[in-house]
Amino acid sequence: MPMLLIAMVVAVFAFSLYVFLTTENTVIVVNEAVSEPKEVVVTGSEQIKPEVEQPAQNPRIRILETGVGFLNVRESGSTQARQVGRVLPGEVYEYTQLQNNWYKIVHPDFPNAWVSGQYVEVVDRSSDLMGGE
């Protein structure tokens, strides 16, 4: 009797494996507007790829040499605004605003970070395709 049970389990497993390996992927879609399920066959070449919207990239600037080795970061676009930090020549930052030759940069430490346009150059983003700055 136990041998018969083992033989039946092996037979069911073998049949299931055969069905799995010989049929295409089948997806059953249940739609509330339809009273019966609809069967859809998806082959390997028709895989559905979700459309992922790429986030817009901000333009970038590179900090130029200032003569003192750094550029002050200010709370707003003015020499009268409070200094909140410094950036170094050669560093590249995205910017979100340009007002009166002051750039509001995206800086990890300063939420309101403005630098003078006198000491920056706009960096062409087309170099991103080549993996450069």
N, C-alpha and C. Protein backbone atom coordinates (compact mmCIF):
# COMPACT_ATOMS: atom_id res chain seq x y z
N MET A 1 0.80 -1.20 0.00
CA MET A 1 0.00 0.00 0.00
C MET A 1 0.85 1.27 0.00
N PRO A 2 1.92 1.38 0.84
CA PRO A 2 2.74 2.59 0.81
C PRO A 2 3.42 2.79 -0.56
N MET A 3 3.78 1.72 -1.24
CA MET A 3 4.41 1.85 -2.55
C MET A 3 3.44 2.44 -3.56
N LEU A 4 2.17 2.06 -3.46
CA LEU A 4 1.15 2.60 -4.34
C LEU A 4 0.97 4.09 -4.11
N LEU A 5 0.99 4.52 -2.86
CA LEU A 5 0.86 5.93 -2.50
C LEU A 5 2.04 6.73 -3.04
N ILE A 6 3.24 6.20 -2.89
CA ILE A 6 4.44 6.88 -3.40
C ILE A 6 4.38 6.97 -4.91
N ALA A 7 3.93 5.91 -5.57
CA ALA A 7 3.83 5.90 -7.03
C ALA A 7 2.83 6.95 -7.50
N MET A 8 1.72 7.11 -6.77
CA MET A 8 0.71 8.11 -7.15
C MET A 8 1.26 9.53 -6.97
N VAL A 9 1.99 9.77 -5.89
CA VAL A 9 2.58 11.10 -5.65
C VAL A 9 3.58 11.42 -6.74
N VAL A 10 4.43 10.45 -7.10
CA VAL A 10 5.42 10.66 -8.16
C VAL A 10 4.71 10.93 -9.49
N ALA A 11 3.65 10.20 -9.77
CA ALA A 11 2.91 10.38 -11.02
C ALA A 11 2.29 11.77 -11.09
N VAL A 12 1.69 12.24 -10.00
CA VAL A 12 1.08 13.58 -9.97
C VAL A 12 2.17 14.64 -10.14
N PHE A 13 3.30 14.47 -9.47
CA PHE A 13 4.40 15.42 -9.60
C PHE A 13 4.92 15.45 -11.03
N ALA A 14 5.12 14.30 -11.63
CA ALA A 14 5.62 14.21 -13.00
C ALA A 14 4.65 14.87 -13.97
N PHE A 15 3.35 14.62 -13.80
CA PHE A 15 2.36 15.24 -14.68
C PHE A 15 2.35 16.76 -14.51
N SER A 16 2.42 17.23 -13.26
CA SER A 16 2.45 18.67 -13.01
C SER A 16 3.69 19.30 -13.64
N LEU A 17 4.81 18.65 -13.52
CA LEU A 17 6.03 19.17 -14.12
C LEU A 17 5.92 19.20 -15.64
N TYR A 18 5.33 18.18 -16.24
CA TYR A 18 5.10 18.14 -17.68
C TYR A 18 4.22 19.30 -18.12
N VAL A 19 3.12 19.54 -17.42
CA VAL A 19 2.21 20.63 -17.76
C VAL A 19 2.92 21.97 -17.62
N PHE A 20 3.67 22.13 -16.55
CA PHE A 20 4.39 23.38 -16.31
C PHE A 20 5.39 23.66 -17.42
N LEU A 21 6.12 22.65 -17.85
CA LEU A 21 7.17 22.85 -18.85
C LEU A 21 6.66 22.95 -20.28
N THR A 22 5.47 22.48 -20.55
CA THR A 22 4.99 22.46 -21.94
C THR A 22 3.93 23.50 -22.25
N THR A 23 3.45 24.24 -21.28
CA THR A 23 2.43 25.26 -21.56
C THR A 23 3.04 26.64 -21.42
N GLU A 24 2.44 27.62 -22.12
CA GLU A 24 2.87 29.00 -22.01
C GLU A 24 2.31 29.59 -20.73
N ASN A 25 2.87 30.71 -20.34
CA ASN A 25 2.37 31.37 -19.13
C ASN A 25 0.94 31.82 -19.35
N THR A 26 0.07 31.50 -18.43
CA THR A 26 -1.33 31.88 -18.53
C THR A 26 -1.69 32.74 -17.33
N VAL A 27 -2.32 33.86 -17.62
CA VAL A 27 -2.74 34.76 -16.56
C VAL A 27 -4.25 34.88 -16.64
N ILE A 28 -4.91 34.72 -15.52
CA ILE A 28 -6.36 34.88 -15.49
C ILE A 28 -6.65 36.26 -14.92
N VAL A 29 -7.34 37.08 -15.71
CA VAL A 29 -7.66 38.43 -15.31
C VAL A 29 -9.12 38.46 -14.88
N VAL A 30 -9.36 38.94 -13.69
CA VAL A 30 -10.73 39.06 -13.20
C VAL A 30 -11.11 40.53 -13.26
N ASN A 31 -12.14 40.81 -14.01
CA ASN A 31 -12.61 42.17 -14.17
C ASN A 31 -14.00 42.25 -13.55
N GLU A 32 -14.21 43.22 -12.68
CA GLU A 32 -15.50 43.33 -12.01
C GLU A 32 -16.65 43.59 -12.98
N ALA A 33 -16.34 44.19 -14.12
CA ALA A 33 -17.39 44.50 -15.09
C ALA A 33 -17.80 43.28 -15.90
N VAL A 34 -17.01 42.23 -15.88
CA VAL A 34 -17.30 41.02 -16.63
C VAL A 34 -17.65 39.93 -15.63
N SER A 35 -18.65 39.13 -15.97
CA SER A 35 -19.10 38.11 -15.02
C SER A 35 -18.21 36.88 -15.00
N GLU A 36 -17.43 36.65 -16.05
CA GLU A 36 -16.56 35.48 -16.06
C GLU A 36 -15.11 35.92 -16.26
N PRO A 37 -14.17 35.17 -15.71
CA PRO A 37 -12.76 35.52 -15.88
C PRO A 37 -12.34 35.39 -17.34
N LYS A 38 -11.38 36.17 -17.74
CA LYS A 38 -10.86 36.14 -19.10
C LYS A 38 -9.42 35.65 -19.04
N GLU A 39 -9.08 34.71 -19.90
CA GLU A 39 -7.75 34.15 -19.92
C GLU A 39 -6.90 34.92 -20.92
N VAL A 40 -5.68 35.31 -20.50
CA VAL A 40 -4.76 36.03 -21.36
C VAL A 40 -3.46 35.26 -21.39
N VAL A 41 -2.93 35.02 -22.58
CA VAL A 41 -1.67 34.30 -22.71
C VAL A 41 -0.57 35.32 -22.92
N VAL A 42 0.46 35.23 -22.10
CA VAL A 42 1.60 36.13 -22.21
C VAL A 42 2.80 35.30 -22.61
N THR A 43 3.37 35.63 -23.76
CA THR A 43 4.57 34.92 -24.19
C THR A 43 5.79 35.70 -23.75
N GLY A 44 6.94 35.07 -23.84
CA GLY A 44 8.17 35.70 -23.39
C GLY A 44 8.50 36.99 -24.12
N SER A 45 8.08 37.12 -25.39
CA SER A 45 8.42 38.31 -26.16
C SER A 45 7.46 39.46 -25.91
N GLU A 46 6.37 39.22 -25.20
CA GLU A 46 5.36 40.26 -24.99
C GLU A 46 5.29 40.70 -23.54
N GLN A 47 6.42 40.68 -22.84
CA GLN A 47 6.40 41.07 -21.45
C GLN A 47 6.02 42.53 -21.31
N ILE A 48 5.18 42.80 -20.35
CA ILE A 48 4.70 44.16 -20.12
C ILE A 48 5.72 44.89 -19.27
N LYS A 49 6.17 46.03 -19.77
CA LYS A 49 7.14 46.84 -19.04
C LYS A 49 6.44 48.13 -18.61
N PRO A 50 6.42 48.39 -17.32
CA PRO A 50 5.77 49.61 -16.86
C PRO A 50 6.53 50.84 -17.35
N GLU A 51 5.77 51.87 -17.68
CA GLU A 51 6.40 53.11 -18.12
C GLU A 51 6.85 53.87 -16.88
N VAL A 52 8.14 54.10 -16.80
CA VAL A 52 8.71 54.81 -15.67
C VAL A 52 9.12 56.18 -16.16
N GLU A 53 8.57 57.19 -15.55
CA GLU A 53 8.88 58.55 -15.94
C GLU A 53 10.18 58.97 -15.27
N GLN A 54 11.13 59.39 -16.07
CA GLN A 54 12.41 59.83 -15.53
C GLN A 54 12.25 61.22 -14.92
N PRO A 55 12.79 61.42 -13.73
CA PRO A 55 12.69 62.75 -13.14
C PRO A 55 13.49 63.76 -13.95
N ALA A 56 12.95 64.96 -14.06
CA ALA A 56 13.64 66.01 -14.80
C ALA A 56 14.92 66.36 -14.06
N GLN A 57 15.97 66.55 -14.81
CA GLN A 57 17.24 66.90 -14.19
C GLN A 57 17.45 68.39 -14.27
N ASN A 58 17.92 68.95 -13.17
CA ASN A 58 18.21 70.37 -13.11
C ASN A 58 19.51 70.66 -13.85
N PRO A 59 19.64 71.87 -14.36
CA PRO A 59 20.93 72.26 -14.96
C PRO A 59 21.98 72.32 -13.85
N ARG A 60 23.25 72.31 -14.26
CA ARG A 60 24.33 72.29 -13.28
C ARG A 60 25.31 73.42 -13.50
N ILE A 61 26.02 73.73 -12.41
CA ILE A 61 27.12 74.70 -12.48
C ILE A 61 28.35 74.09 -11.82
N ARG A 62 29.51 74.56 -12.26
CA ARG A 62 30.79 74.18 -11.64
C ARG A 62 31.35 75.43 -10.97
N ILE A 63 31.86 75.26 -9.76
CA ILE A 63 32.45 76.37 -9.01
C ILE A 63 33.84 76.64 -9.59
N LEU A 64 34.10 77.92 -9.92
CA LEU A 64 35.39 78.32 -10.48
C LEU A 64 36.34 78.78 -9.38
N GLU A 65 37.58 78.95 -9.74
CA GLU A 65 38.60 79.45 -8.82
C GLU A 65 38.23 80.87 -8.39
N THR A 66 38.36 81.15 -7.10
CA THR A 66 37.96 82.45 -6.56
C THR A 66 39.14 83.30 -6.12
N GLY A 67 40.31 82.69 -5.99
CA GLY A 67 41.46 83.42 -5.48
C GLY A 67 41.67 83.21 -4.00
N VAL A 68 40.64 82.75 -3.28
CA VAL A 68 40.77 82.48 -1.84
C VAL A 68 40.56 81.00 -1.52
N GLY A 69 40.28 80.18 -2.54
CA GLY A 69 40.17 78.74 -2.33
C GLY A 69 38.79 78.23 -2.00
N PHE A 70 37.80 79.08 -1.95
CA PHE A 70 36.42 78.67 -1.66
C PHE A 70 35.47 79.75 -2.16
N LEU A 71 34.20 79.40 -2.19
CA LEU A 71 33.15 80.37 -2.53
C LEU A 71 32.10 80.32 -1.44
N ASN A 72 31.74 81.49 -0.93
CA ASN A 72 30.72 81.55 0.12
C ASN A 72 29.36 81.13 -0.41
N VAL A 73 28.63 80.40 0.42
CA VAL A 73 27.25 80.03 0.14
C VAL A 73 26.39 80.91 1.03
N ARG A 74 25.39 81.55 0.43
CA ARG A 74 24.56 82.48 1.20
C ARG A 74 23.11 82.02 1.24
N GLU A 75 22.38 82.54 2.21
CA GLU A 75 20.99 82.16 2.45
C GLU A 75 20.04 82.67 1.36
N SER A 76 20.43 83.71 0.67
CA SER A 76 19.66 84.22 -0.46
C SER A 76 20.65 84.86 -1.44
N GLY A 77 20.13 85.29 -2.58
CA GLY A 77 20.99 85.79 -3.64
C GLY A 77 21.42 87.22 -3.46
N SER A 78 22.31 87.45 -2.48
CA SER A 78 22.80 88.80 -2.22
C SER A 78 24.06 88.71 -1.37
N THR A 79 25.00 89.63 -1.58
CA THR A 79 26.20 89.68 -0.73
C THR A 79 25.84 90.11 0.69
N GLN A 80 24.67 90.70 0.86
CA GLN A 80 24.23 91.12 2.19
C GLN A 80 23.57 89.97 2.97
N ALA A 81 23.25 88.88 2.30
CA ALA A 81 22.58 87.73 2.94
C ALA A 81 23.58 87.00 3.84
N ARG A 82 23.03 86.31 4.84
CA ARG A 82 23.84 85.57 5.81
C ARG A 82 24.60 84.43 5.11
N GLN A 83 25.89 84.29 5.45
CA GLN A 83 26.70 83.19 4.92
C GLN A 83 26.34 81.92 5.68
N VAL A 84 26.02 80.83 4.93
CA VAL A 84 25.64 79.57 5.58
C VAL A 84 26.68 78.47 5.37
N GLY A 85 27.65 78.71 4.50
CA GLY A 85 28.68 77.69 4.27
C GLY A 85 29.61 78.10 3.15
N ARG A 86 30.38 77.11 2.69
CA ARG A 86 31.36 77.33 1.62
C ARG A 86 31.34 76.14 0.67
N VAL A 87 31.66 76.40 -0.61
CA VAL A 87 31.87 75.34 -1.59
C VAL A 87 33.25 75.55 -2.19
N LEU A 88 33.77 74.50 -2.80
CA LEU A 88 35.15 74.55 -3.29
C LEU A 88 35.21 74.58 -4.81
N PRO A 89 36.26 75.21 -5.35
CA PRO A 89 36.43 75.23 -6.80
C PRO A 89 36.48 73.80 -7.36
N GLY A 90 35.83 73.61 -8.51
CA GLY A 90 35.78 72.30 -9.16
C GLY A 90 34.54 71.50 -8.81
N GLU A 91 33.88 71.83 -7.69
CA GLU A 91 32.67 71.10 -7.32
C GLU A 91 31.54 71.47 -8.27
N VAL A 92 30.66 70.49 -8.52
CA VAL A 92 29.55 70.67 -9.45
C VAL A 92 28.25 70.50 -8.68
N TYR A 93 27.30 71.41 -8.90
CA TYR A 93 26.01 71.38 -8.22
C TYR A 93 24.89 71.63 -9.22
N GLU A 94 23.75 70.99 -8.99
CA GLU A 94 22.56 71.33 -9.74
C GLU A 94 22.04 72.64 -9.17
N TYR A 95 21.36 73.40 -10.03
CA TYR A 95 20.72 74.61 -9.52
C TYR A 95 19.26 74.65 -9.96
N THR A 96 18.45 75.31 -9.15
CA THR A 96 17.01 75.35 -9.40
C THR A 96 16.51 76.74 -9.76
N GLN A 97 17.28 77.77 -9.44
CA GLN A 97 16.86 79.13 -9.75
C GLN A 97 18.07 79.97 -10.13
N LEU A 98 17.81 80.97 -10.94
CA LEU A 98 18.82 81.96 -11.30
C LEU A 98 18.16 83.33 -11.20
N GLN A 99 18.69 84.17 -10.29
CA GLN A 99 18.14 85.52 -10.11
C GLN A 99 19.29 86.51 -9.95
N ASN A 100 19.32 87.51 -10.79
CA ASN A 100 20.32 88.57 -10.71
C ASN A 100 21.75 88.03 -10.60
N ASN A 101 22.05 87.01 -11.42
CA ASN A 101 23.36 86.37 -11.47
C ASN A 101 23.72 85.64 -10.16
N TRP A 102 22.70 85.18 -9.43
CA TRP A 102 22.89 84.32 -8.25
C TRP A 102 22.17 83.01 -8.53
N TYR A 103 22.83 81.91 -8.22
CA TYR A 103 22.29 80.57 -8.48
C TYR A 103 21.89 79.91 -7.16
N LYS A 104 20.66 79.43 -7.10
CA LYS A 104 20.22 78.64 -5.95
C LYS A 104 20.60 77.19 -6.26
N ILE A 105 21.58 76.66 -5.50
CA ILE A 105 22.09 75.32 -5.78
C ILE A 105 21.42 74.28 -4.88
N VAL A 106 21.45 73.04 -5.35
CA VAL A 106 20.96 71.91 -4.56
C VAL A 106 22.17 71.41 -3.77
N HIS A 107 22.16 71.66 -2.46
CA HIS A 107 23.27 71.29 -1.60
C HIS A 107 22.76 70.40 -0.48
N PRO A 108 23.45 69.30 -0.17
CA PRO A 108 22.94 68.36 0.83
C PRO A 108 22.88 68.94 2.25
N ASP A 109 23.67 69.95 2.54
CA ASP A 109 23.71 70.49 3.90
C ASP A 109 22.95 71.81 4.08
N PHE A 110 22.68 72.49 2.99
CA PHE A 110 22.06 73.82 3.10
C PHE A 110 20.79 73.86 2.25
N PRO A 111 19.61 73.99 2.89
CA PRO A 111 18.37 74.02 2.11
C PRO A 111 18.23 75.28 1.25
N ASN A 112 18.72 76.41 1.73
CA ASN A 112 18.72 77.65 0.95
C ASN A 112 20.17 78.02 0.69
N ALA A 113 20.68 77.57 -0.45
CA ALA A 113 22.09 77.77 -0.78
C ALA A 113 22.19 78.55 -2.07
N TRP A 114 22.73 79.74 -1.99
CA TRP A 114 22.89 80.60 -3.15
C TRP A 114 24.37 80.93 -3.33
N VAL A 115 24.84 80.91 -4.58
CA VAL A 115 26.22 81.28 -4.89
C VAL A 115 26.22 82.32 -6.00
N SER A 116 27.24 83.16 -5.98
CA SER A 116 27.37 84.22 -6.98
C SER A 116 27.73 83.64 -8.34
N GLY A 117 27.04 84.13 -9.37
CA GLY A 117 27.31 83.69 -10.74
C GLY A 117 28.65 84.18 -11.26
N GLN A 118 29.29 85.09 -10.53
CA GLN A 118 30.59 85.61 -10.93
C GLN A 118 31.66 84.50 -10.88
N TYR A 119 31.44 83.48 -10.03
CA TYR A 119 32.45 82.44 -9.83
C TYR A 119 31.95 81.05 -10.22
N VAL A 120 31.04 80.98 -11.18
CA VAL A 120 30.53 79.67 -11.62
C VAL A 120 30.46 79.64 -13.14
N GLU A 121 30.43 78.42 -13.67
CA GLU A 121 30.17 78.24 -15.09
C GLU A 121 29.10 77.16 -15.23
N VAL A 122 28.21 77.35 -16.18
CA VAL A 122 27.16 76.36 -16.43
C VAL A 122 27.81 75.15 -17.09
N VAL A 123 27.44 73.95 -16.62
CA VAL A 123 27.99 72.70 -17.14
C VAL A 123 26.95 72.07 -18.05
N ASP A 124 27.37 71.68 -19.24
CA ASP A 124 26.50 71.06 -20.22
C ASP A 124 26.15 69.64 -19.77
N ARG A 125 24.86 69.32 -19.63
CA ARG A 125 24.43 68.00 -19.17
C ARG A 125 24.61 66.93 -20.23
N SER A 126 24.90 67.30 -21.48
CA SER A 126 25.06 66.29 -22.52
C SER A 126 26.24 65.38 -22.21
N SER A 127 27.16 65.83 -21.38
CA SER A 127 28.29 64.97 -21.01
C SER A 127 27.84 63.84 -20.09
N ASP A 128 26.63 63.91 -19.53
CA ASP A 128 26.10 62.84 -18.69
C ASP A 128 26.03 61.54 -19.47
N LEU A 129 25.77 61.63 -20.78
CA LEU A 129 25.66 60.43 -21.60
C LEU A 129 26.98 59.66 -21.63
N MET A 130 28.07 60.37 -21.47
CA MET A 130 29.37 59.72 -21.51
C MET A 130 29.89 59.42 -20.11
N GLY A 131 29.10 59.72 -19.07
CA GLY A 131 29.50 59.42 -17.70
C GLY A 131 30.41 60.45 -17.09
N GLY A 132 30.57 61.59 -17.75
CA GLY A 132 31.45 62.63 -17.23
C GLY A 132 30.70 63.63 -16.39
N GLU A 133 31.43 64.62 -15.92
CA GLU A 133 30.82 65.68 -15.10
C GLU A 133 30.15 66.67 -16.00
